[in-house]
């Protein structure tokens, strides 16, 4: 890129030092954090039953989990100021504690408080950990970011199924069992992590006016994409159980969508490294619209195939959009990461609240037809994403990825 990082926190990994061990450690923490932050859809039908409430309430409960992620840009600024790895550690520890507390919550207020803790902790984790992952890249930033994100996507995909198995076998109070891997492994992983340098006092200030237009486009894109994803993972299991399926079967829909989506995470970064980022972002939006349309018109075993393909197309855009956000704010890559994931997820949660009203008026299946146009809107916005660093263009000898 033509931009120069403002401080060592964004610098490439030292030449000759393998990033494999710290990268795998970060990916494992990402697995644990995102698993603890995204298990809820797998047990949400059971929670709705225990609270004696209907499907429309699912949006509000999910929003309590997601809105806290709006703190990610602030966490990015704080990470840049402090350096180190403290926010990464606090984040994954907080999401783990929140997972345990959800299992102990028998009333709606305590449940919402536990979910809010998870959301805020998730916000603390991501900006600093994404900047840590980027700092390990000597080259091929897309591939490095894909490996890191794969850990999170596996956690997002497997934890709903694991949590549903625990709840179906025992009760929600058994969720502490799901948290054991994090409790055991966090102390061993932390010493392996790199440490970001704090932003020096004389560092280049954030050029807010220059970044305003591309940042606004990226925020809109990320918000619509997050809304579409969370509408799917919230309501597909509810439809499944409404049609007579089991709790575990509904959770497995999410697992197929997200775990197979790991292929998209990896391939999206690799394609972007070779062909440029815009083709990945636009292609993801168009194919997502097509596959959601096919899914809503299908039934039987083909649903699982479509969900797998949908996961690939959805998540191909994730590592690329994070890189775009970091490059829009080269003075503070943690902030750029926080805007893409945190603020986008938080605003997507607000859209999800409105979608809950649509499900009450139209029914869940009919309301899901809103999602193909949303995906096409994401594809259009991707064509508008640009930056002076030419970060959306295909790599060349003069502008390495």
Protein backbone atom coordinates (compact mmCIF):
# COMPACT_ATOMS: atom_id res chain seq x y z
CA UNK A 1 0.00 0.00 0.00
CA UNK A 2 1.08 3.53 -0.46
CA UNK A 3 0.21 4.48 3.10
CA UNK A 4 2.80 4.13 5.83
CA UNK A 5 1.78 2.87 9.27
CA UNK A 6 1.94 5.57 11.88
CA UNK A 7 3.51 3.50 14.62
CA UNK A 8 4.84 0.02 15.38
CA UNK A 9 1.44 -1.27 16.31
CA UNK A 10 0.68 -1.47 12.62
CA UNK A 11 4.11 -2.51 11.49
CA UNK A 12 4.80 -5.77 9.78
CA UNK A 13 6.28 -8.65 11.75
CA UNK A 14 10.06 -8.62 11.99
CA UNK A 15 11.74 -10.39 9.12
CA UNK A 16 12.88 -13.92 9.92
CA UNK A 17 10.48 -14.42 12.82
CA UNK A 18 7.75 -16.94 12.11
CA UNK A 19 4.27 -15.60 12.87
CA UNK A 20 2.78 -19.10 12.98
CA UNK A 21 2.70 -19.70 16.75
CA UNK A 22 1.32 -16.31 17.83
CA UNK A 23 -1.10 -16.32 14.88
CA UNK A 24 -2.47 -19.72 15.86
CA UNK A 25 -2.72 -18.55 19.46
CA UNK A 26 -4.69 -15.50 18.36
CA UNK A 27 -6.90 -17.65 16.15
CA UNK A 28 -7.63 -19.96 19.10
CA UNK A 29 -8.55 -17.01 21.32
CA UNK A 30 -10.74 -15.77 18.48
CA UNK A 31 -12.42 -19.20 18.42
CA UNK A 32 -13.10 -19.02 22.16
CA UNK A 33 -14.24 -15.40 22.15
CA UNK A 34 -16.54 -15.59 19.15
CA UNK A 35 -17.94 -18.90 20.32
CA UNK A 36 -18.88 -17.39 23.68
CA UNK A 37 -20.24 -14.30 21.93
CA UNK A 38 -22.36 -16.16 19.37
CA UNK A 39 -23.73 -19.31 21.01
CA UNK A 40 -27.11 -17.70 21.73
CA UNK A 41 -28.97 -18.52 18.47
CA UNK A 42 -28.44 -22.23 19.11
CA UNK A 43 -30.43 -22.12 22.36
CA UNK A 44 -32.67 -19.13 21.65
CA UNK A 45 -35.77 -21.25 20.93
CA UNK A 46 -35.37 -22.87 24.36
CA UNK A 47 -34.92 -19.47 26.00
CA UNK A 48 -38.07 -18.15 24.33
CA UNK A 49 -39.99 -21.12 25.70
CA UNK A 50 -38.58 -20.63 29.22
CA UNK A 51 -39.49 -16.93 29.13
CA UNK A 52 -42.97 -17.73 27.74
CA UNK A 53 -42.54 -15.31 24.83
CA UNK A 54 -42.89 -15.46 21.05
CA UNK A 55 -40.56 -15.30 18.07
CA UNK A 56 -40.80 -11.52 17.75
CA UNK A 57 -38.96 -11.19 21.09
CA UNK A 58 -35.94 -12.95 19.58
CA UNK A 59 -34.85 -9.74 17.86
CA UNK A 60 -34.81 -7.82 21.13
CA UNK A 61 -32.83 -10.51 22.94
CA UNK A 62 -30.31 -10.74 20.11
CA UNK A 63 -30.06 -6.95 20.01
CA UNK A 64 -29.06 -6.92 23.70
CA UNK A 65 -26.17 -9.17 22.73
CA UNK A 66 -25.12 -7.19 19.66
CA UNK A 67 -25.57 -3.51 20.52
CA UNK A 68 -22.61 -3.53 22.89
CA UNK A 69 -20.37 -4.13 19.90
CA UNK A 70 -20.92 -0.49 19.00
CA UNK A 71 -18.14 0.23 21.51
CA UNK A 72 -15.57 -1.32 19.18
CA UNK A 73 -14.43 1.99 17.64
CA UNK A 74 -13.85 3.38 21.14
CA UNK A 75 -12.05 0.17 22.05
CA UNK A 76 -9.92 0.68 18.94
CA UNK A 77 -8.94 4.17 20.08
CA UNK A 78 -8.19 2.86 23.57
CA UNK A 79 -6.14 -0.01 22.16
CA UNK A 80 -4.12 2.40 20.08
CA UNK A 81 -3.45 4.57 23.15
CA UNK A 82 -2.54 1.73 25.51
CA UNK A 83 -0.81 -0.76 23.20
CA UNK A 84 -0.02 -4.15 24.68
CA UNK A 85 -2.58 -6.95 24.67
CA UNK A 86 -4.70 -6.17 27.73
CA UNK A 87 -7.94 -5.50 25.87
CA UNK A 88 -7.65 -8.80 24.00
CA UNK A 89 -7.31 -10.67 27.30
CA UNK A 90 -10.11 -8.75 29.02
CA UNK A 91 -12.36 -9.29 26.04
CA UNK A 92 -12.13 -13.07 25.80
CA UNK A 93 -12.32 -13.36 29.61
CA UNK A 94 -15.47 -11.23 29.69
CA UNK A 95 -17.27 -13.17 26.97
CA UNK A 96 -16.44 -16.41 28.79
CA UNK A 97 -17.84 -15.04 32.06
CA UNK A 98 -20.95 -13.83 30.24
CA UNK A 99 -21.50 -17.30 28.78
CA UNK A 100 -21.45 -18.76 32.28
CA UNK A 101 -23.81 -16.06 33.62
CA UNK A 102 -26.35 -16.66 30.84
CA UNK A 103 -26.63 -20.21 32.12
CA UNK A 104 -27.39 -18.92 35.60
CA UNK A 105 -29.99 -16.34 34.47
CA UNK A 106 -33.55 -17.37 35.22
CA UNK A 107 -35.18 -13.99 34.56
CA UNK A 108 -35.13 -11.61 31.62
CA UNK A 109 -33.28 -8.72 33.37
CA UNK A 110 -30.36 -10.92 34.45
CA UNK A 111 -30.28 -12.54 31.01
CA UNK A 112 -30.08 -9.16 29.28
CA UNK A 113 -27.33 -8.02 31.67
CA UNK A 114 -25.26 -11.12 30.93
CA UNK A 115 -25.76 -10.64 27.19
CA UNK A 116 -24.73 -6.98 27.49
CA UNK A 117 -21.53 -8.07 29.26
CA UNK A 118 -20.79 -10.42 26.37
CA UNK A 119 -21.40 -7.67 23.83
CA UNK A 120 -19.12 -5.14 25.52
CA UNK A 121 -16.39 -7.74 26.11
CA UNK A 122 -16.61 -8.76 22.48
CA UNK A 123 -16.13 -5.11 21.57
CA UNK A 124 -12.97 -4.95 23.67
CA UNK A 125 -11.51 -8.08 22.09
CA UNK A 126 -11.76 -7.46 18.38
CA UNK A 127 -10.00 -4.18 17.51
CA UNK A 128 -6.80 -5.01 19.37
CA UNK A 129 -6.70 -8.65 18.32
CA UNK A 130 -7.26 -7.71 14.67
CA UNK A 131 -4.42 -5.19 14.86
CA UNK A 132 -2.24 -7.86 16.49
CA UNK A 133 -3.00 -10.25 13.64
CA UNK A 134 -2.21 -7.59 11.02
CA UNK A 135 1.09 -6.81 12.76
CA UNK A 136 2.21 -10.41 12.19
CA UNK A 137 1.91 -10.15 8.42
CA UNK A 138 5.20 -9.83 6.55
CA UNK A 139 3.22 -10.01 3.31
CA UNK A 140 -0.02 -11.54 2.02
CA UNK A 141 -2.13 -9.61 4.50
CA UNK A 142 -5.33 -11.17 3.18
CA UNK A 143 -4.13 -14.70 3.93
CA UNK A 144 -2.97 -13.77 7.46
CA UNK A 145 -6.28 -12.07 8.20
CA UNK A 146 -8.19 -15.05 6.83
CA UNK A 147 -6.40 -17.47 9.19
CA UNK A 148 -7.20 -15.27 12.16
CA UNK A 149 -10.84 -14.89 11.14
CA UNK A 150 -11.22 -18.62 10.54
CA UNK A 151 -10.75 -19.18 14.27
CA UNK A 152 -13.63 -16.83 15.01
CA UNK A 153 -15.91 -18.31 12.38
CA UNK A 154 -15.35 -21.83 13.66
CA UNK A 155 -16.27 -20.63 17.14
CA UNK A 156 -19.36 -18.84 15.84
CA UNK A 157 -20.39 -21.96 13.96
CA UNK A 158 -19.67 -24.68 16.53
CA UNK A 159 -20.72 -23.05 19.79
CA UNK A 160 -24.44 -22.79 18.92
CA UNK A 161 -24.45 -26.55 18.28
CA UNK A 162 -22.34 -27.35 21.36
CA UNK A 163 -24.51 -25.14 23.58
CA UNK A 164 -27.70 -26.70 22.21
CA UNK A 165 -26.37 -30.17 22.95
CA UNK A 166 -25.58 -29.15 26.54
CA UNK A 167 -28.98 -27.54 27.05
CA UNK A 168 -30.86 -30.43 25.42
CA UNK A 169 -28.98 -32.97 27.58
CA UNK A 170 -29.10 -31.02 30.82
CA UNK A 171 -30.42 -27.45 31.29
CA UNK A 172 -29.23 -23.93 30.53
CA UNK A 173 -27.39 -23.95 33.87
CA UNK A 174 -24.95 -26.44 32.32
CA UNK A 175 -23.50 -23.79 29.99
CA UNK A 176 -20.49 -23.50 32.32
CA UNK A 177 -19.30 -26.76 30.77
CA UNK A 178 -19.14 -25.03 27.37
CA UNK A 179 -16.91 -22.34 28.92
CA UNK A 180 -14.31 -24.80 30.26
CA UNK A 181 -11.97 -24.75 27.21
CA UNK A 182 -11.54 -21.00 27.58
CA UNK A 183 -11.06 -21.12 31.34
CA UNK A 184 -8.33 -23.73 30.94
CA UNK A 185 -6.49 -22.41 27.89
CA UNK A 186 -6.45 -18.60 28.24
CA UNK A 187 -3.58 -18.58 30.80
CA UNK A 188 -1.43 -20.69 28.46
CA UNK A 189 -2.15 -18.69 25.30
CA UNK A 190 -1.60 -15.17 26.65
CA UNK A 191 2.25 -15.42 26.94
CA UNK A 192 2.45 -16.43 23.26
CA UNK A 193 0.79 -13.26 22.00
CA UNK A 194 2.71 -10.32 20.53
CA UNK A 195 2.35 -6.93 22.17
CA UNK A 196 1.33 -3.80 20.32
CA UNK A 197 3.34 -0.64 20.84
CA UNK A 198 1.39 2.30 22.24
CA UNK A 199 0.73 5.15 19.86
CA UNK A 200 3.53 7.73 20.27
CA UNK A 201 2.62 11.27 21.17
CA UNK A 202 3.98 12.61 17.86
CA UNK A 203 2.16 10.06 15.69
CA UNK A 204 0.18 11.22 12.67
CA UNK A 205 -3.27 12.34 13.92
CA UNK A 206 -6.38 10.66 12.57
CA UNK A 207 -7.52 12.61 9.52
CA UNK A 208 -11.25 12.47 10.19
CA UNK A 209 -12.29 14.82 7.40
CA UNK A 210 -10.33 12.91 4.78
CA UNK A 211 -11.74 9.57 5.87
CA UNK A 212 -15.37 10.65 6.38
CA UNK A 213 -16.80 9.63 2.99
CA UNK A 214 -15.17 6.17 2.63
CA UNK A 215 -15.85 5.47 6.31
CA UNK A 216 -19.55 6.33 5.92
CA UNK A 217 -19.84 4.02 2.93
CA UNK A 218 -18.06 1.23 4.78
CA UNK A 219 -20.25 1.65 7.89
CA UNK A 220 -23.41 1.42 5.78
CA UNK A 221 -22.08 -1.65 3.99
CA UNK A 222 -21.03 -3.38 7.23
CA UNK A 223 -24.35 -2.56 8.94
CA UNK A 224 -26.47 -4.07 6.17
CA UNK A 225 -24.23 -7.12 5.92
CA UNK A 226 -24.39 -7.71 9.68
CA UNK A 227 -28.16 -7.29 9.71
CA UNK A 228 -28.55 -9.90 6.99
CA UNK A 229 -26.29 -12.39 8.75
CA UNK A 230 -27.91 -11.97 12.17
CA UNK A 231 -31.41 -12.18 10.74
CA UNK A 232 -30.48 -15.56 9.28
CA UNK A 233 -28.81 -17.00 12.39
CA UNK A 234 -31.60 -15.71 14.65
CA UNK A 235 -34.62 -16.91 12.72
CA UNK A 236 -33.58 -20.02 10.80
CA UNK A 237 -33.54 -22.15 14.00
CA UNK A 238 -36.87 -20.65 15.07
CA UNK A 239 -38.46 -21.58 11.74
CA UNK A 240 -36.96 -25.06 12.02
CA UNK A 241 -38.41 -25.67 15.48
CA UNK A 242 -41.75 -24.11 14.52
CA UNK A 243 -41.97 -26.68 11.74
CA UNK A 244 -41.42 -29.49 14.22
CA UNK A 245 -37.63 -29.80 14.23
CA UNK A 246 -35.46 -30.27 17.32
CA UNK A 247 -33.39 -27.67 19.17
CA UNK A 248 -30.15 -29.39 18.11
CA UNK A 249 -31.33 -29.63 14.50
CA UNK A 250 -32.00 -25.91 14.39
CA UNK A 251 -28.60 -25.16 15.87
CA UNK A 252 -26.98 -27.38 13.25
CA UNK A 253 -28.35 -25.06 10.55
CA UNK A 254 -26.21 -22.28 12.01
CA UNK A 255 -23.24 -24.63 12.27
CA UNK A 256 -23.44 -25.54 8.58
CA UNK A 257 -23.78 -21.88 7.57
CA UNK A 258 -20.86 -20.68 9.67
CA UNK A 259 -18.44 -23.62 9.67
CA UNK A 260 -18.62 -24.18 5.92
CA UNK A 261 -18.30 -20.41 5.70
CA UNK A 262 -14.70 -20.85 6.86
CA UNK A 263 -13.93 -21.80 3.25
CA UNK A 264 -15.14 -18.36 2.28
CA UNK A 265 -12.98 -16.68 4.92
CA UNK A 266 -9.87 -18.35 3.59
CA UNK A 267 -10.66 -18.10 -0.12
CA UNK A 268 -11.83 -14.49 0.16
CA UNK A 269 -8.47 -13.35 1.50
CA UNK A 270 -6.52 -15.37 -1.04
CA UNK A 271 -8.60 -14.13 -3.98
CA UNK A 272 -8.24 -10.56 -2.79
CA UNK A 273 -4.46 -10.95 -2.61
CA UNK A 274 -4.39 -11.98 -6.29
CA UNK A 275 -7.35 -10.29 -7.99
CA UNK A 276 -8.18 -7.33 -5.77
CA UNK A 277 -10.70 -6.68 -3.05
CA UNK A 278 -13.60 -5.17 -4.98
CA UNK A 279 -14.31 -8.36 -6.94
CA UNK A 280 -14.63 -10.30 -3.66
CA UNK A 281 -16.95 -7.78 -2.00
CA UNK A 282 -19.22 -7.31 -5.00
CA UNK A 283 -19.32 -11.01 -5.85
CA UNK A 284 -20.16 -11.87 -2.24
CA UNK A 285 -23.16 -9.53 -2.24
CA UNK A 286 -24.57 -10.74 -5.53
CA UNK A 287 -24.16 -14.45 -4.78
CA UNK A 288 -25.60 -14.00 -1.28
CA UNK A 289 -28.76 -12.49 -2.77
CA UNK A 290 -29.08 -15.38 -5.23
CA UNK A 291 -28.53 -18.10 -2.64
CA UNK A 292 -30.94 -16.64 -0.07
CA UNK A 293 -33.59 -16.50 -2.78
CA UNK A 294 -32.99 -20.15 -3.69
CA UNK A 295 -33.03 -21.16 0.00
CA UNK A 296 -36.41 -19.52 0.62
CA UNK A 297 -37.87 -21.43 -2.34
CA UNK A 298 -36.39 -24.82 -1.40
CA UNK A 299 -37.03 -27.64 1.07
CA UNK A 300 -35.55 -30.96 2.14
CA UNK A 301 -31.90 -31.97 2.04
CA UNK A 302 -31.01 -29.29 -0.52
CA UNK A 303 -31.37 -26.68 2.23
CA UNK A 304 -28.14 -27.87 3.82
CA UNK A 305 -26.23 -27.59 0.54
CA UNK A 306 -27.53 -24.08 -0.06
CA UNK A 307 -26.64 -23.03 3.49
CA UNK A 308 -23.08 -24.26 3.01
CA UNK A 309 -22.71 -22.31 -0.24
CA UNK A 310 -24.33 -19.28 1.39
CA UNK A 311 -21.81 -19.43 4.22
CA UNK A 312 -18.93 -19.43 1.73
CA UNK A 313 -20.24 -16.42 -0.17
CA UNK A 314 -21.15 -14.46 2.98
CA UNK A 315 -17.83 -14.87 4.74
CA UNK A 316 -15.59 -14.38 1.73
CA UNK A 317 -16.16 -10.65 2.27
CA UNK A 318 -15.22 -10.55 5.97
CA UNK A 319 -11.39 -10.53 5.86
CA UNK A 320 -11.46 -8.18 2.88
CA UNK A 321 -13.75 -5.64 4.55
CA UNK A 322 -11.56 -5.65 7.68
CA UNK A 323 -8.52 -4.84 5.54
CA UNK A 324 -10.43 -2.05 3.82
CA UNK A 325 -11.40 -0.60 7.20
CA UNK A 326 -7.82 -0.75 8.43
CA UNK A 327 -6.60 0.96 5.27
CA UNK A 328 -9.19 3.72 5.47
CA UNK A 329 -7.71 4.53 8.88
CA UNK A 330 -3.99 3.75 8.43
CA UNK A 331 -3.21 5.99 11.41
CA UNK A 332 -5.18 3.62 13.68
CA UNK A 333 -5.91 0.16 12.32
CA UNK A 334 -7.62 -0.87 15.56
CA UNK A 335 -10.14 1.90 14.97
CA UNK A 336 -10.66 0.77 11.37
CA UNK A 337 -11.27 -2.81 12.54
CA UNK A 338 -13.69 -1.62 15.20
CA UNK A 339 -15.72 0.36 12.69
CA UNK A 340 -16.08 -2.56 10.28
CA UNK A 341 -17.04 -5.18 12.84
CA UNK A 342 -18.26 -3.41 15.97
CA UNK A 343 -20.14 -0.39 14.71
CA UNK A 344 -21.44 -2.40 11.77
CA UNK A 345 -22.73 -5.14 14.07
CA UNK A 346 -24.28 -2.65 16.47
CA UNK A 347 -26.17 -0.81 13.74
CA UNK A 348 -27.12 -4.15 12.24
CA UNK A 349 -28.68 -5.02 15.62
CA UNK A 350 -30.85 -1.92 15.40
CA UNK A 351 -32.04 -3.04 11.97
CA UNK A 352 -32.75 -6.43 13.52
CA UNK A 353 -35.12 -4.81 16.02
CA UNK A 354 -37.12 -3.44 13.10
CA UNK A 355 -37.02 -6.84 11.46
CA UNK A 356 -38.63 -8.31 14.59
CA UNK A 357 -41.64 -6.06 13.97
CA UNK A 358 -41.73 -7.25 10.36
CA UNK A 359 -41.84 -10.88 11.49
CA UNK A 360 -44.87 -10.09 13.67
CA UNK A 361 -46.70 -8.42 10.80
CA UNK A 362 -45.71 -10.70 7.94
CA UNK A 363 -44.55 -13.95 9.49
CA UNK A 364 -40.91 -15.02 9.73
CA UNK A 365 -40.63 -16.76 6.34
CA UNK A 366 -42.18 -13.87 4.43
CA UNK A 367 -40.07 -11.31 6.29
CA UNK A 368 -36.89 -13.12 5.24
CA UNK A 369 -37.57 -12.06 1.64
CA UNK A 370 -36.24 -8.66 2.73
CA UNK A 371 -32.73 -10.13 2.79
CA UNK A 372 -31.97 -10.62 -0.96
CA UNK A 373 -32.43 -6.88 -1.69
CA UNK A 374 -30.27 -6.11 1.35
CA UNK A 375 -27.49 -8.29 -0.08
CA UNK A 376 -27.73 -6.53 -3.45
CA UNK A 377 -27.48 -3.19 -1.66
CA UNK A 378 -24.23 -4.45 -0.10
CA UNK A 379 -22.92 -5.33 -3.56
CA UNK A 380 -23.72 -1.83 -4.81
CA UNK A 381 -22.03 -0.20 -1.80
CA UNK A 382 -18.95 -2.34 -2.40
CA UNK A 383 -18.56 -0.70 -5.80
CA UNK A 384 -18.42 2.67 -4.02
CA UNK A 385 -15.72 1.72 -1.55
CA UNK A 386 -12.50 3.43 -2.47
CA UNK A 387 -9.54 5.09 -0.81
CA UNK A 388 -6.43 7.00 -1.92
CA UNK A 389 -4.32 4.00 -0.94
CA UNK A 390 -5.99 2.15 -3.85
CA UNK A 391 -6.73 -0.59 -1.33
CA UNK A 392 -9.68 -1.77 -3.40
CA UNK A 393 -7.60 -2.38 -6.50
CA UNK A 394 -5.89 -5.57 -7.60
CA UNK A 395 -2.31 -5.79 -6.27
CA UNK A 396 0.60 -4.78 -8.45
CA UNK A 397 4.33 -4.44 -8.11
CA UNK A 398 3.88 -0.83 -7.01
CA UNK A 399 0.99 -1.38 -4.62
CA UNK A 400 1.46 -4.64 -2.73
CA UNK A 401 -1.57 -6.02 -0.91
